[in-house]
Amino acid sequence: MATDIKLELSDKEQQLRGLLLDVARSIDESAAGQGSAEPVTLRWAGGWVRDRLLGIESHDIDVAINTMTGIHFAQHMRDYCETPAAKAKHGIAEKDVGNLHHVASNPEKSKHLETAMVRMFGLDLDFVNLRKETYTDQSRNPQMEFGTAEEDALRRDATINALFYNLNKDIVEDFTGGVPDMAAKLIKTPLEPLQTFTDDPLRILRLVRFASRLEFSIDPSTEKFMGDSKVLDALRVKISRERVGIELEKMLQGKHPAQALRFINRLGLYRAIFSDPEQEPPELILLPRWAVAYECLDSLIKQQTPQSIADLLIRTDEASYTAWNLAAVAPWMIIQDPPNVPRKASHPPPVGVVARNGFKAPNRLADVIGAAHRHREEILKLKLAVKAGEAWAKERDTVGMMIRRWDHFGSWKLQVLNALLVDAMEQLEEWKEQSTKEQDDFLRDWQNLLDHLIELDVVDAPNIKRLVDGRALSKALGIKPGVWTGKALDVCMGWQLRNPNETDIAGAVEEVRKKKDELGIPI
């Protein structure tokens, strides 16, 4: 229904509104001679309206049309913008109108309707017709038909995403109660929740994303159906894992990733998201303590100071995103492959399989997750050795070469962070918001490890440039390169770490000569 809410548009948005209404009028005029009765009505839909009412700037606008497809309207708009009269009236410069992109429907990727995309006046527009959806028991992919604005609103995932701004009337339309829900900071479904989630289980993750992003609550009557076993089974095995990964990525790249993981944990969604749909997940012994991992990470980031754990290990936005992924899969980190099952050397560990098959992690992220699993026990061993004052942990070459090896498979700092989070889950039953002696003692041991690495001057060990490469080493030894070269270069790097001020490679070459039998060098 119409509200008395009017929106304050920016200059660019006003310019766009005037242009779109003129395009609609030109379509109406051309259709009048053909006896078409219903005029074109345009609405800006969903996210842009929500964000504008919340005072959040948005440059992405979904344009919903009542009488034609999005591609049909967008083509009319392109033609209209080419006319001298339109250019003069609306101040259209050549750079103001981008290329028109037709995006076909792809139900298997949750793209149920074709859209047309174009950039206008610096704003990104998606054109689509108003529609209604009909689901059957045989498929989660709906049958799409033209619909009314109310039918279009009812098919959406949340009432706050079902608002329209009617360009023709210059008012906000609310058919589902989205305005009062927004005022109450509440996430609700437009239709009965169980039916909404049964129709498309991915909506569960979308609601979690919006609730965490906006710091809203989920309505109890909606929340109680989000953990329905049948819906979660469908989310796990029927929903494209690419779509699951996209929703997870948006959650963990948002401003409140810890809140998203809290929702996932409380609603019992973990196994539906973090599992390989082709295999039954094993018992995750640490899952009851999963909150320790993400609450610990949240605490580290919030209490970040110079040279603190978070400051040393999480230096970029990309590192922060990876860190939250590591916290997300932390319960999997102690899971090993079944014994006596033949595996290729390149086969990822179970947590790596979950990352690749469960939420389609990109290769770079999956590699860090796999490396974090592979090196976790060795990192923990180093932490304990530093605490005990063991001699080998004070050797710059030993520790420096360990770090270089870890880093070869992905950021060694994030692998250390992963070991810390899993260690926290194993040692602590809960992580409290207010610091406790137990938590402080735990973090002190890990801070001491990092302080020790700084003192050894090995934090940047992976970036140390070799004094000698394979060709130079072969020449100095007077033999051709071979299978021995890689191990010999590691010996050189170890010597270099022990002698950081040396620039002459003679000492490194001599070190290799001494170990020629061990290295299998034919000299």
Protein backbone atom coordinates (compact mmCIF):
# COMPACT_ATOMS: atom_id res chain seq x y z
CA MET A 1 0.00 0.00 0.00
CA ALA A 2 1.09 3.58 -0.52
CA THR A 3 2.69 5.46 2.35
CA ASP A 4 3.11 9.15 2.98
CA ILE A 5 6.89 8.72 2.91
CA LYS A 6 8.73 10.72 0.28
CA LEU A 7 12.40 10.28 -0.45
CA GLU A 8 14.98 13.01 -0.92
CA LEU A 9 16.74 12.13 -4.17
CA SER A 10 20.23 13.21 -5.11
CA ASP A 11 20.76 15.35 -8.21
CA LYS A 12 21.79 12.29 -10.23
CA GLU A 13 18.80 10.31 -9.00
CA GLN A 14 16.45 13.18 -9.88
CA GLN A 15 18.03 13.34 -13.32
CA LEU A 16 17.57 9.58 -13.73
CA ARG A 17 13.96 9.66 -12.49
CA GLY A 18 13.04 12.36 -15.00
CA LEU A 19 14.66 10.43 -17.84
CA LEU A 20 12.97 7.12 -16.95
CA LEU A 21 9.54 8.74 -16.69
CA ASP A 22 10.01 10.32 -20.11
CA VAL A 23 10.99 6.93 -21.55
CA ALA A 24 7.83 5.45 -20.01
CA ARG A 25 5.73 8.24 -21.53
CA SER A 26 7.26 7.67 -24.95
CA ILE A 27 6.39 3.96 -24.71
CA ASP A 28 2.84 4.82 -23.66
CA GLU A 29 2.45 7.20 -26.59
CA SER A 30 3.67 4.64 -29.08
CA ALA A 31 1.40 1.97 -27.58
CA ALA A 32 -1.66 4.22 -27.57
CA GLY A 33 -2.15 3.77 -31.28
CA GLN A 34 -2.08 -0.02 -30.79
CA GLY A 35 -4.88 0.01 -28.25
CA SER A 36 -2.72 -0.82 -25.21
CA ALA A 37 -4.61 0.18 -22.06
CA GLU A 38 -2.19 -0.10 -19.12
CA PRO A 39 0.42 2.68 -18.86
CA VAL A 40 4.01 1.94 -17.87
CA THR A 41 4.63 2.37 -14.14
CA LEU A 42 8.18 2.36 -12.84
CA ARG A 43 9.40 1.47 -9.37
CA TRP A 44 12.79 1.39 -7.72
CA ALA A 45 12.75 -1.77 -5.68
CA GLY A 46 14.21 -3.52 -2.69
CA GLY A 47 17.71 -2.73 -1.51
CA TRP A 48 17.96 0.84 -2.76
CA VAL A 49 14.72 1.82 -0.96
CA ARG A 50 15.79 0.05 2.22
CA ASP A 51 19.21 1.68 2.27
CA ARG A 52 17.83 5.12 1.47
CA LEU A 53 15.37 4.90 4.39
CA LEU A 54 18.26 3.82 6.63
CA GLY A 55 20.43 6.69 5.45
CA ILE A 56 22.86 4.40 3.64
CA GLU A 57 24.18 5.57 0.29
CA SER A 58 23.58 3.20 -2.61
CA HIS A 59 24.56 3.40 -6.27
CA ASP A 60 22.77 0.19 -7.29
CA ILE A 61 19.12 0.50 -8.31
CA ASP A 62 16.71 -2.25 -9.34
CA VAL A 63 14.06 -0.82 -11.70
CA ALA A 64 10.83 -2.82 -11.75
CA ILE A 65 8.44 -2.40 -14.70
CA ASN A 66 4.79 -3.43 -14.71
CA THR A 67 4.06 -4.06 -18.42
CA MET A 68 7.21 -5.34 -20.13
CA THR A 69 10.46 -7.16 -19.56
CA GLY A 70 13.54 -5.34 -18.34
CA ILE A 71 15.44 -5.87 -21.59
CA HIS A 72 12.51 -4.49 -23.61
CA PHE A 73 12.35 -1.31 -21.52
CA ALA A 74 16.14 -0.88 -21.47
CA GLN A 75 16.27 -1.09 -25.26
CA HIS A 76 13.60 1.63 -25.48
CA MET A 77 15.66 3.73 -23.07
CA ARG A 78 18.81 3.32 -25.14
CA ASP A 79 16.98 4.38 -28.30
CA TYR A 80 15.40 7.34 -26.53
CA CYS A 81 18.75 8.53 -25.18
CA GLU A 82 20.13 8.68 -28.73
CA THR A 83 17.65 11.37 -29.77
CA PRO A 84 18.87 15.00 -29.79
CA ALA A 85 15.76 16.11 -27.89
CA ALA A 86 16.44 13.69 -25.03
CA LYS A 87 20.12 14.63 -24.86
CA ALA A 88 19.21 18.31 -24.64
CA LYS A 89 16.37 17.91 -22.12
CA HIS A 90 18.17 15.57 -19.74
CA GLY A 91 21.74 16.79 -20.20
CA ILE A 92 22.91 13.40 -21.44
CA ALA A 93 26.61 13.32 -22.22
CA GLU A 94 28.23 10.47 -24.12
CA LYS A 95 29.85 9.04 -20.97
CA ASP A 96 26.49 9.09 -19.08
CA VAL A 97 25.12 6.01 -20.85
CA GLY A 98 26.99 2.72 -20.49
CA ASN A 99 26.72 -0.46 -22.51
CA LEU A 100 23.56 -2.50 -22.22
CA HIS A 101 24.08 -6.02 -20.84
CA HIS A 102 21.48 -8.75 -21.14
CA VAL A 103 21.74 -11.28 -18.30
CA ALA A 104 19.84 -14.47 -19.10
CA SER A 105 17.97 -16.42 -16.45
CA ASN A 106 19.88 -19.29 -14.81
CA PRO A 107 17.68 -21.07 -12.25
CA GLU A 108 20.49 -23.41 -11.17
CA LYS A 109 22.43 -20.35 -10.00
CA SER A 110 19.33 -18.81 -8.37
CA LYS A 111 18.97 -16.35 -11.23
CA HIS A 112 15.30 -16.90 -11.97
CA LEU A 113 14.60 -14.05 -14.39
CA GLU A 114 16.43 -12.33 -17.19
CA THR A 115 17.56 -8.79 -16.46
CA ALA A 116 19.05 -5.90 -18.36
CA MET A 117 21.96 -4.00 -16.82
CA VAL A 118 23.21 -0.57 -17.76
CA ARG A 119 25.15 2.23 -16.09
CA MET A 120 23.44 5.65 -16.21
CA PHE A 121 24.67 8.92 -14.72
CA GLY A 122 27.14 6.97 -12.58
CA LEU A 123 24.42 4.68 -11.19
CA ASP A 124 24.22 0.93 -11.83
CA LEU A 125 20.74 -0.09 -12.98
CA ASP A 126 19.09 -3.50 -13.25
CA PHE A 127 15.83 -3.57 -15.20
CA VAL A 128 13.32 -6.36 -14.58
CA ASN A 129 9.57 -6.80 -14.78
CA LEU A 130 7.31 -7.16 -11.76
CA ARG A 131 6.66 -10.84 -11.27
CA LYS A 132 5.09 -13.49 -9.13
CA GLU A 133 6.57 -16.90 -8.40
CA THR A 134 4.91 -20.31 -8.21
CA TYR A 135 6.83 -23.18 -6.61
CA THR A 136 6.14 -26.90 -6.93
CA ASP A 137 7.25 -29.80 -4.73
CA GLN A 138 9.37 -31.12 -7.58
CA SER A 139 11.70 -28.12 -7.90
CA ARG A 140 12.99 -25.17 -5.90
CA ASN A 141 13.12 -23.18 -9.18
CA PRO A 142 9.89 -21.18 -9.49
CA GLN A 143 7.62 -20.68 -12.44
CA MET A 144 7.80 -16.96 -13.27
CA GLU A 145 4.90 -14.82 -14.46
CA PHE A 146 4.17 -11.13 -14.75
CA GLY A 147 2.67 -9.94 -11.49
CA THR A 148 1.45 -6.94 -9.58
CA ALA A 149 3.61 -4.83 -7.28
CA GLU A 150 2.05 -6.56 -4.27
CA GLU A 151 2.73 -10.02 -5.69
CA ASP A 152 6.30 -8.99 -6.41
CA ALA A 153 6.70 -7.74 -2.84
CA LEU A 154 5.31 -10.94 -1.32
CA ARG A 155 7.79 -13.17 -3.18
CA ARG A 156 10.81 -11.41 -1.60
CA ASP A 157 12.95 -12.73 1.23
CA ALA A 158 12.31 -10.04 3.86
CA THR A 159 9.77 -7.29 4.38
CA ILE A 160 12.52 -4.66 4.54
CA ASN A 161 13.62 -5.78 1.06
CA ALA A 162 10.06 -5.64 -0.32
CA LEU A 163 9.64 -1.86 -0.42
CA PHE A 164 9.13 0.14 -3.62
CA TYR A 165 9.66 3.73 -4.57
CA ASN A 166 6.99 4.56 -7.16
CA LEU A 167 8.57 6.99 -9.62
CA ASN A 168 5.24 8.00 -11.15
CA LYS A 169 3.69 8.93 -7.79
CA ASP A 170 6.92 9.93 -5.99
CA ILE A 171 6.03 7.86 -2.91
CA VAL A 172 7.22 4.77 -1.05
CA GLU A 173 4.94 1.72 -1.31
CA ASP A 174 4.88 -0.88 1.46
CA PHE A 175 2.76 -4.00 0.84
CA THR A 176 4.29 -6.21 3.57
CA GLY A 177 4.93 -4.06 6.65
CA GLY A 178 8.57 -3.36 5.83
CA VAL A 179 8.49 0.24 7.11
CA PRO A 180 7.42 -0.63 10.69
CA ASP A 181 9.78 -3.63 10.68
CA MET A 182 12.61 -1.33 9.71
CA ALA A 183 11.70 1.03 12.53
CA ALA A 184 11.75 -1.94 14.91
CA LYS A 185 15.06 -3.20 13.42
CA LEU A 186 13.40 -6.52 12.71
CA ILE A 187 13.87 -9.10 9.95
CA LYS A 188 10.64 -10.86 8.93
CA THR A 189 9.47 -12.79 5.89
CA PRO A 190 6.57 -11.37 3.84
CA LEU A 191 4.83 -14.74 3.72
CA GLU A 192 4.62 -17.62 6.21
CA PRO A 193 8.28 -18.40 7.11
CA LEU A 194 8.32 -22.17 6.61
CA GLN A 195 6.77 -21.81 3.16
CA THR A 196 9.22 -19.02 2.31
CA PHE A 197 12.22 -21.17 3.28
CA THR A 198 10.82 -24.33 1.71
CA ASP A 199 10.37 -22.47 -1.58
CA ASP A 200 13.99 -21.32 -1.51
CA PRO A 201 16.23 -22.39 1.42
CA LEU A 202 18.91 -19.89 0.35
CA ARG A 203 16.68 -17.20 1.87
CA ILE A 204 17.84 -18.40 5.30
CA LEU A 205 21.36 -17.24 4.55
CA ARG A 206 20.15 -14.00 3.03
CA LEU A 207 18.24 -13.17 6.21
CA VAL A 208 21.31 -13.94 8.30
CA ARG A 209 23.37 -11.65 6.07
CA PHE A 210 20.96 -8.75 6.32
CA ALA A 211 20.43 -9.19 10.05
CA SER A 212 24.18 -9.14 10.72
CA ARG A 213 24.94 -6.37 8.24
CA LEU A 214 22.22 -4.05 9.56
CA GLU A 215 22.53 -5.20 13.18
CA PHE A 216 18.84 -6.13 13.19
CA SER A 217 17.10 -8.90 15.12
CA ILE A 218 15.31 -11.78 13.40
CA ASP A 219 11.64 -12.05 14.31
CA PRO A 220 11.17 -15.08 16.64
CA SER A 221 8.31 -16.41 14.53
CA THR A 222 10.65 -16.35 11.53
CA GLU A 223 13.73 -17.58 13.35
CA LYS A 224 12.13 -20.74 14.72
CA PHE A 225 11.70 -22.10 11.18
CA MET A 226 15.23 -21.27 10.00
CA GLY A 227 16.60 -24.40 11.63
CA ASP A 228 13.91 -26.74 10.27
CA SER A 229 15.64 -30.03 9.46
CA LYS A 230 13.97 -30.51 6.07
CA VAL A 231 14.82 -26.96 5.02
CA LEU A 232 18.44 -27.35 6.14
CA ASP A 233 18.74 -30.66 4.30
CA ALA A 234 17.52 -28.90 1.17
CA LEU A 235 19.95 -26.01 1.76
CA ARG A 236 22.80 -28.48 2.06
CA VAL A 237 22.15 -30.70 -0.96
CA LYS A 238 19.85 -28.80 -3.34
CA ILE A 239 21.14 -25.23 -3.34
CA SER A 240 24.01 -24.32 -5.63
CA ARG A 241 27.14 -24.22 -3.49
CA GLU A 242 28.29 -21.21 -5.49
CA ARG A 243 25.26 -19.33 -4.16
CA VAL A 244 26.01 -20.49 -0.62
CA GLY A 245 29.57 -19.26 -1.08
CA ILE A 246 28.42 -15.88 -2.37
CA GLU A 247 26.19 -15.33 0.66
CA LEU A 248 28.96 -16.43 3.03
CA GLU A 249 31.46 -14.15 1.32
CA LYS A 250 29.16 -11.16 1.70
CA MET A 251 28.68 -11.98 5.39
CA LEU A 252 32.38 -12.30 6.14
CA GLN A 253 33.36 -9.25 4.11
CA GLY A 254 30.74 -7.14 5.86
CA LYS A 255 31.18 -4.93 8.89
CA HIS A 256 29.85 -7.51 11.38
CA PRO A 257 31.16 -10.99 10.46
CA ALA A 258 31.14 -12.16 14.08
CA GLN A 259 27.42 -11.44 14.30
CA ALA A 260 26.80 -13.50 11.15
CA LEU A 261 28.64 -16.48 12.68
CA ARG A 262 26.67 -16.04 15.91
CA PHE A 263 23.42 -16.33 13.95
CA ILE A 264 24.69 -19.39 12.08
CA ASN A 265 25.69 -21.05 15.34
CA ARG A 266 22.53 -20.21 17.26
CA LEU A 267 20.24 -21.29 14.43
CA GLY A 268 22.06 -24.60 13.93
CA LEU A 269 23.03 -23.86 10.33
CA TYR A 270 26.66 -24.96 10.54
CA ARG A 271 26.50 -28.39 8.91
CA ALA A 272 24.25 -27.10 6.12
CA ILE A 273 26.89 -24.54 5.13
CA PHE A 274 30.26 -25.99 6.07
CA SER A 275 30.11 -29.48 4.60
CA ASP A 276 30.68 -31.30 1.34
CA PRO A 277 27.15 -32.02 0.03
CA GLU A 278 28.42 -35.21 -1.58
CA GLN A 279 29.50 -36.71 1.76
CA GLU A 280 27.96 -37.12 5.18
CA PRO A 281 29.87 -34.84 7.56
CA PRO A 282 31.86 -36.56 10.31
CA GLU A 283 31.33 -35.82 13.98
CA LEU A 284 32.80 -32.38 14.62
CA ILE A 285 34.03 -32.74 18.19
CA LEU A 286 34.92 -29.06 18.52
CA LEU A 287 31.64 -27.71 17.09
CA PRO A 288 30.08 -27.18 20.56
CA ARG A 289 33.00 -24.82 21.26
CA TRP A 290 32.96 -23.08 17.89
CA ALA A 291 31.92 -19.80 19.53
CA VAL A 292 35.31 -19.70 21.26
CA ALA A 293 37.05 -19.33 17.89
CA TYR A 294 34.99 -16.50 16.44
CA GLU A 295 34.58 -14.66 19.75
CA CYS A 296 38.33 -14.86 20.31
CA LEU A 297 38.97 -13.45 16.83
CA ASP A 298 36.41 -10.70 17.38
CA SER A 299 38.10 -9.81 20.67
CA LEU A 300 41.58 -9.75 19.10
CA ILE A 301 40.44 -7.38 16.34
CA LYS A 302 38.53 -5.06 18.69
CA GLN A 303 41.49 -4.82 21.07
CA GLN A 304 44.09 -4.34 18.36
CA THR A 305 47.07 -2.20 19.38
CA PRO A 306 50.56 -1.77 17.86
CA GLN A 307 52.49 -5.06 17.93
CA SER A 308 49.46 -6.94 19.31
CA ILE A 309 48.44 -10.33 17.92
CA ALA A 310 45.88 -8.88 15.50
CA ASP A 311 48.24 -6.08 14.45
CA LEU A 312 50.98 -8.57 13.61
CA LEU A 313 48.86 -11.26 11.96
CA ILE A 314 45.95 -9.41 10.28
CA ARG A 315 47.35 -6.49 8.30
CA THR A 316 44.95 -6.05 5.36
CA ASP A 317 41.25 -6.31 4.47
CA GLU A 318 42.01 -9.49 2.54
CA ALA A 319 43.77 -10.95 5.59
CA SER A 320 40.76 -10.04 7.74
CA TYR A 321 38.41 -11.82 5.32
CA THR A 322 40.65 -14.91 5.34
CA ALA A 323 40.85 -14.78 9.13
CA TRP A 324 37.05 -14.92 9.41
CA ASN A 325 36.96 -17.86 7.01
CA LEU A 326 39.50 -19.65 9.20
CA ALA A 327 37.34 -18.96 12.25
CA ALA A 328 34.34 -20.28 10.32
CA VAL A 329 35.96 -23.63 9.48
CA ALA A 330 37.87 -23.97 12.78
CA PRO A 331 35.83 -27.01 13.97
CA TRP A 332 37.09 -28.88 10.89
CA MET A 333 40.76 -28.20 11.55
CA ILE A 334 41.36 -31.27 13.73
CA ILE A 335 39.58 -33.63 11.32
CA GLN A 336 41.96 -35.98 9.48
CA ASP A 337 41.42 -38.22 6.47
CA PRO A 338 40.44 -41.79 7.35
CA PRO A 339 43.52 -44.02 7.80
CA ASN A 340 44.61 -46.47 5.11
CA VAL A 341 42.74 -44.64 2.34
CA PRO A 342 44.99 -43.97 -0.68
CA ARG A 343 45.27 -40.24 -1.42
CA LYS A 344 47.25 -38.25 -3.92
CA ALA A 345 49.87 -35.97 -2.40
CA SER A 346 47.96 -32.97 -3.74
CA HIS A 347 44.65 -34.07 -2.21
CA PRO A 348 43.40 -31.42 0.22
CA PRO A 349 42.62 -32.32 3.83
CA PRO A 350 38.94 -32.62 4.86
CA VAL A 351 38.72 -28.92 5.75
CA GLY A 352 40.10 -28.08 2.32
CA VAL A 353 37.48 -30.27 0.66
CA VAL A 354 34.77 -28.46 2.63
CA ALA A 355 36.18 -25.11 1.50
CA ARG A 356 36.28 -26.14 -2.16
CA ASN A 357 33.08 -28.18 -2.37
CA GLY A 358 31.04 -26.77 0.48
CA PHE A 359 31.19 -23.05 -0.24
CA LYS A 360 33.33 -22.91 -3.38
CA ALA A 361 36.22 -21.00 -1.83
CA PRO A 362 38.52 -19.51 -4.47
CA ASN A 363 41.85 -21.29 -4.90
CA ARG A 364 43.87 -18.75 -2.94
CA LEU A 365 41.61 -19.00 0.10
CA ALA A 366 41.34 -22.79 -0.13
CA ASP A 367 45.15 -23.03 -0.28
CA VAL A 368 45.56 -21.01 2.93
CA ILE A 369 42.90 -23.14 4.66
CA GLY A 370 44.65 -26.33 3.57
CA ALA A 371 48.06 -25.04 4.66
CA ALA A 372 46.64 -23.93 8.02
CA HIS A 373 45.48 -27.51 8.62
CA ARG A 374 48.76 -29.00 7.41
CA HIS A 375 51.02 -26.86 9.62
CA ARG A 376 48.84 -26.37 12.69
CA GLU A 377 50.53 -28.98 14.88
CA GLU A 378 54.01 -27.77 13.92
CA ILE A 379 53.07 -24.18 14.78
CA LEU A 380 51.70 -25.34 18.12
CA LYS A 381 54.92 -27.27 18.76
CA LEU A 382 56.94 -24.09 18.13
CA LYS A 383 54.73 -22.11 20.53
CA LEU A 384 55.26 -24.70 23.26
CA ALA A 385 59.01 -24.82 22.58
CA VAL A 386 59.29 -21.05 22.93
CA LYS A 387 57.39 -21.19 26.22
CA ALA A 388 59.69 -23.95 27.49
CA GLY A 389 62.83 -22.14 26.31
CA GLU A 390 64.00 -25.04 24.16
CA ALA A 391 67.27 -24.43 22.35
CA TRP A 392 66.08 -25.25 18.83
CA ALA A 393 63.37 -22.59 19.04
CA LYS A 394 66.13 -19.97 19.47
CA GLU A 395 67.93 -20.95 16.24
CA ARG A 396 67.24 -18.27 13.63
CA ASP A 397 67.86 -20.60 10.71
CA THR A 398 65.61 -23.38 12.06
CA VAL A 399 62.69 -21.09 12.81
CA GLY A 400 63.22 -18.93 9.72
CA MET A 401 63.16 -21.94 7.41
CA MET A 402 59.98 -23.21 9.07
CA ILE A 403 58.29 -19.90 8.39
CA ARG A 404 59.49 -19.84 4.79
CA ARG A 405 58.09 -23.34 4.26
CA TRP A 406 54.74 -22.44 5.80
CA ASP A 407 54.48 -19.28 3.74
CA HIS A 408 55.10 -21.16 0.51
CA PHE A 409 51.54 -22.52 0.77
CA GLY A 410 49.86 -19.30 1.91
CA SER A 411 50.24 -16.56 4.47
CA TRP A 412 52.18 -18.00 7.42
CA LYS A 413 50.77 -15.31 9.71
CA LEU A 414 47.21 -16.44 9.07
CA GLN A 415 48.26 -20.04 9.63
CA VAL A 416 49.56 -19.01 13.05
CA LEU A 417 46.26 -17.24 13.71
CA ASN A 418 44.41 -20.43 12.78
CA ALA A 419 46.54 -22.46 15.19
CA LEU A 420 45.72 -19.93 17.91
CA LEU A 421 41.95 -20.14 17.27
CA VAL A 422 41.91 -23.94 17.29
CA ASP A 423 44.10 -23.97 20.40
CA ALA A 424 41.58 -21.67 22.07
CA MET A 425 38.75 -24.08 21.23
CA GLU A 426 40.68 -27.00 22.66
CA GLN A 427 41.74 -25.23 25.86
CA LEU A 428 38.79 -23.00 26.75
CA GLU A 429 35.13 -23.91 27.21
CA GLU A 430 33.97 -20.39 26.36
CA TRP A 431 35.32 -16.97 25.42
CA LYS A 432 33.95 -14.19 27.55
CA GLU A 433 33.54 -10.60 26.42
CA GLN A 434 35.26 -9.34 29.55
CA SER A 435 38.84 -10.55 29.89
CA THR A 436 39.57 -13.33 32.37
CA LYS A 437 42.83 -14.60 33.81
CA GLU A 438 42.46 -17.82 31.82
CA GLN A 439 42.00 -15.90 28.56
CA ASP A 440 44.81 -13.46 29.35
CA ASP A 441 47.21 -16.31 30.15
CA PHE A 442 46.25 -18.08 26.94
CA LEU A 443 46.84 -15.02 24.77
CA ARG A 444 50.09 -14.20 26.57
CA ASP A 445 51.64 -17.47 25.38
CA TRP A 446 50.78 -16.63 21.76
CA GLN A 447 51.93 -13.04 22.14
CA ASN A 448 55.23 -14.35 23.53
CA LEU A 449 55.63 -16.52 20.42
CA LEU A 450 55.19 -13.50 18.14
CA ASP A 451 57.49 -11.36 20.28
CA HIS A 452 60.08 -14.14 20.05
CA LEU A 453 59.81 -14.20 16.24
CA ILE A 454 60.31 -10.44 16.17
CA GLU A 455 63.36 -10.78 18.42
CA LEU A 456 64.80 -13.48 16.15
CA ASP A 457 64.10 -11.13 13.19
CA VAL A 458 62.34 -13.85 11.19
CA VAL A 459 58.94 -12.19 10.68
CA ASP A 460 59.96 -11.27 7.14
CA ALA A 461 61.89 -14.49 6.51
CA PRO A 462 59.76 -15.40 3.46
CA ASN A 463 60.79 -12.14 1.79
CA ILE A 464 64.55 -12.52 2.26
CA LYS A 465 66.20 -12.48 -1.14
CA ARG A 466 68.57 -15.35 -1.83
CA LEU A 467 72.22 -14.45 -2.21
CA VAL A 468 72.73 -17.35 -4.55
CA ASP A 469 70.41 -18.97 -7.10
CA GLY A 470 70.60 -22.44 -8.65
CA ARG A 471 72.67 -21.37 -11.64
CA ALA A 472 75.24 -19.52 -9.53
CA LEU A 473 75.48 -22.42 -7.08
CA SER A 474 75.99 -24.95 -9.87
CA LYS A 475 78.71 -22.79 -11.38
CA ALA A 476 80.47 -22.41 -8.02
CA LEU A 477 80.36 -26.19 -7.50
CA GLY A 478 81.38 -26.92 -11.09
CA ILE A 479 78.49 -29.29 -11.83
CA LYS A 480 75.16 -29.19 -13.64
CA PRO A 481 71.90 -28.49 -11.77
CA GLY A 482 69.93 -31.56 -10.72
CA VAL A 483 67.44 -32.94 -8.24
CA TRP A 484 69.81 -31.84 -5.50
CA THR A 485 69.47 -28.14 -6.29
CA GLY A 486 66.37 -27.33 -4.24
CA LYS A 487 67.67 -28.88 -1.02
CA ALA A 488 71.06 -27.29 -1.56
CA LEU A 489 69.49 -23.85 -1.94
CA ASP A 490 67.68 -24.41 1.36
CA VAL A 491 71.07 -25.10 2.95
CA CYS A 492 72.29 -21.81 1.50
CA MET A 493 69.28 -19.96 2.90
CA GLY A 494 69.83 -21.54 6.31
CA TRP A 495 73.44 -20.29 6.23
CA GLN A 496 72.16 -16.88 5.13
CA LEU A 497 69.74 -16.74 8.09
CA ARG A 498 72.63 -17.52 10.46
CA ASN A 499 74.81 -14.91 8.79
CA PRO A 500 72.45 -12.06 7.93
CA ASN A 501 75.21 -9.51 7.31
CA GLU A 502 77.22 -11.62 4.84
CA THR A 503 77.19 -10.68 1.14
CA ASP A 504 79.84 -13.14 -0.14
CA ILE A 505 78.35 -16.49 -1.19
CA ALA A 506 81.57 -18.39 -0.47
CA GLY A 507 80.39 -19.42 3.00
CA ALA A 508 77.09 -20.73 1.65
CA VAL A 509 78.84 -22.73 -1.09
CA GLU A 510 81.21 -24.25 1.48
CA GLU A 511 78.21 -25.24 3.63
CA VAL A 512 76.79 -27.13 0.66
CA ARG A 513 80.14 -28.87 0.02
CA LYS A 514 80.19 -30.11 3.60
CA LYS A 515 76.77 -31.66 3.16
CA LYS A 516 77.30 -33.02 -0.36
CA ASP A 517 76.75 -36.66 0.61
CA GLU A 518 73.59 -35.85 2.57
CA LEU A 519 72.29 -33.83 -0.39
CA GLY A 520 73.29 -36.40 -2.99
CA ILE A 521 75.55 -33.98 -4.90
CA PRO A 522 77.86 -35.79 -7.36
CA ILE A 523 81.10 -33.96 -6.55
